[in-house]
Amino acid sequence: MAVRLQRVLLLMRDVSAGVRFYRDGLGLKLRTETATYASLDAGGGVDVHLKLASSESQVCTGYSPLLSFTVDDMDTAVPRLLGLGATLDGPVRHHLYGAVAAMRSPDGHMVGLVQGADLPEGGGEAIAAAAAAAREGA
């Protein structure tokens, strides 16, 4: 049996603010929007659905779910999302493989951003081998 993620449903306090965050901040393509519901294309056959919550208890969030997006330019994406109401959940971290940021959307959903490093040919394999050697030595 083949399984693939098709859609993610997020309960929202404000659907139009959610649309601005995911469309304007992350570049997802808007498919449908009403006052209580929106659907956005996240690429790869996955849709993000935003639905107005019927109670505050439905939008209480922890660290799950975490939506992870690849971005081309972390230095542009983070300020743009902050301007749309996101908050950083810790500093942007820089690793050999690239930059990583954890944020909360205006409704408190966890959003991860990843910008891969520009590695030379074979660089990814070299980093993986070095990480494996470090784990074995630890």
Protein backbone atom coordinates (compact mmCIF):
# COMPACT_ATOMS: atom_id res chain seq x y z
CA MET A 1 0.00 0.00 0.00
CA ALA A 2 1.42 3.37 -1.03
CA VAL A 3 0.90 6.21 1.44
CA ARG A 4 1.56 9.90 0.86
CA LEU A 5 0.64 13.08 2.67
CA GLN A 6 -2.15 14.85 0.81
CA ARG A 7 -3.31 17.66 3.08
CA VAL A 8 -2.74 19.40 6.38
CA LEU A 9 -5.64 21.05 8.24
CA LEU A 10 -4.86 23.89 10.63
CA LEU A 11 -7.53 25.37 12.90
CA MET A 12 -7.23 29.15 12.96
CA ARG A 13 -8.38 32.16 14.95
CA ASP A 14 -8.24 34.32 11.80
CA VAL A 15 -8.32 32.62 8.38
CA SER A 16 -7.44 35.80 6.42
CA ALA A 17 -4.34 36.38 8.60
CA GLY A 18 -3.39 32.75 8.01
CA VAL A 19 -3.73 33.23 4.25
CA ARG A 20 -1.46 36.29 4.38
CA PHE A 21 1.11 34.32 6.40
CA TYR A 22 1.24 31.23 4.18
CA ARG A 23 0.63 32.98 0.82
CA ASP A 24 2.51 36.25 1.24
CA GLY A 25 5.10 34.99 3.70
CA LEU A 26 5.91 31.55 2.29
CA GLY A 27 4.65 31.82 -1.27
CA LEU A 28 2.01 29.08 -1.16
CA LYS A 29 -0.55 29.38 -3.96
CA LEU A 30 -4.06 30.27 -2.82
CA ARG A 31 -6.71 27.91 -4.21
CA THR A 32 -9.84 28.97 -2.28
CA GLU A 33 -10.66 31.52 0.42
CA THR A 34 -13.82 32.34 2.38
CA ALA A 35 -14.24 33.96 5.78
CA THR A 36 -14.09 30.56 7.48
CA TYR A 37 -11.95 28.40 5.18
CA ALA A 38 -8.98 28.57 2.82
CA SER A 39 -6.98 26.08 0.80
CA LEU A 40 -3.39 26.67 -0.34
CA ASP A 41 -1.14 24.60 -2.59
CA ALA A 42 2.10 23.72 -0.78
CA GLY A 43 3.57 21.94 -3.81
CA GLY A 44 4.25 18.27 -4.36
CA GLY A 45 0.54 17.46 -4.26
CA VAL A 46 0.14 18.66 -0.65
CA ASP A 47 -2.49 21.23 0.31
CA VAL A 48 -2.64 23.29 3.49
CA HIS A 49 -6.23 23.89 4.62
CA LEU A 50 -7.06 26.67 7.07
CA LYS A 51 -10.36 26.40 8.94
CA LEU A 52 -11.85 28.85 11.41
CA ALA A 53 -11.83 27.30 14.88
CA SER A 54 -15.16 27.13 16.65
CA SER A 55 -13.59 27.57 20.11
CA GLU A 56 -10.38 28.80 21.70
CA SER A 57 -9.62 25.31 22.99
CA GLN A 58 -9.21 24.15 19.37
CA VAL A 59 -6.30 26.53 18.74
CA CYS A 60 -4.23 25.85 21.85
CA THR A 61 -0.89 24.71 20.45
CA GLY A 62 2.23 23.01 21.69
CA TYR A 63 5.14 21.89 19.56
CA SER A 64 3.03 19.78 17.22
CA PRO A 65 2.35 19.86 14.37
CA LEU A 66 5.54 21.27 12.87
CA LEU A 67 5.29 22.38 9.26
CA SER A 68 8.72 22.50 7.62
CA PHE A 69 9.41 24.61 4.53
CA THR A 70 12.52 24.95 2.38
CA VAL A 71 13.35 28.60 1.65
CA ASP A 72 15.82 30.13 -0.80
CA ASP A 73 16.92 32.99 1.46
CA MET A 74 16.62 32.77 5.24
CA ASP A 75 17.66 36.42 5.63
CA THR A 76 14.62 37.49 3.59
CA ALA A 77 12.09 34.88 4.76
CA VAL A 78 12.47 35.40 8.53
CA PRO A 79 11.88 39.20 8.56
CA ARG A 80 9.00 38.84 6.07
CA LEU A 81 7.27 36.27 8.33
CA LEU A 82 7.98 38.31 11.47
CA GLY A 83 6.29 41.25 9.74
CA LEU A 84 3.24 39.04 9.17
CA GLY A 85 2.93 38.20 12.87
CA ALA A 86 5.27 35.22 13.34
CA THR A 87 7.58 34.92 16.34
CA LEU A 88 10.95 33.19 16.46
CA ASP A 89 11.12 30.18 18.75
CA GLY A 90 14.84 30.55 19.43
CA PRO A 91 17.62 31.91 17.24
CA VAL A 92 18.27 31.05 13.60
CA ARG A 93 20.88 28.29 13.75
CA HIS A 94 23.63 27.83 11.19
CA HIS A 95 25.00 24.34 10.57
CA LEU A 96 27.35 22.92 7.97
CA TYR A 97 24.32 21.78 5.96
CA GLY A 98 22.56 25.16 6.09
CA ALA A 99 20.44 27.48 8.20
CA VAL A 100 17.43 26.42 10.30
CA ALA A 101 14.78 28.57 11.99
CA ALA A 102 11.84 27.57 14.20
CA MET A 103 8.95 30.02 14.26
CA ARG A 104 5.37 30.21 15.37
CA SER A 105 2.70 31.39 12.94
CA PRO A 106 0.30 34.12 14.12
CA ASP A 107 -1.98 31.33 15.41
CA GLY A 108 0.88 29.60 17.22
CA HIS A 109 1.54 26.70 14.83
CA MET A 110 5.18 25.63 14.66
CA VAL A 111 6.83 26.45 11.33
CA GLY A 112 10.33 25.29 10.48
CA LEU A 113 12.42 26.98 7.80
CA VAL A 114 15.44 25.35 6.20
CA GLN A 115 17.90 26.91 3.78
CA GLY A 116 20.40 24.39 2.50
CA ALA A 117 24.06 25.32 2.22
CA ASP A 118 25.65 25.71 -1.20
CA LEU A 119 27.85 22.65 -1.00
CA PRO A 120 30.38 21.58 -3.61
CA GLU A 121 29.85 18.30 -5.48
CA GLY A 122 29.97 15.47 -2.90
CA GLY A 123 29.78 17.93 0.01
CA GLY A 124 26.57 16.44 1.41
CA GLU A 125 28.13 13.00 1.62
CA ALA A 126 31.23 14.42 3.31
CA ILE A 127 29.10 16.16 5.96
CA ALA A 128 27.07 12.99 6.57
CA ALA A 129 30.26 10.96 6.99
CA ALA A 130 31.75 13.52 9.39
CA ALA A 131 28.52 13.58 11.44
CA ALA A 132 28.45 9.78 11.62
CA ALA A 133 32.10 9.69 12.74
CA ALA A 134 31.38 12.30 15.43
CA ARG A 135 28.42 10.25 16.74
CA GLU A 136 30.56 7.12 16.92
CA GLY A 137 33.27 9.00 18.82
CA ALA A 138 30.85 10.54 21.29
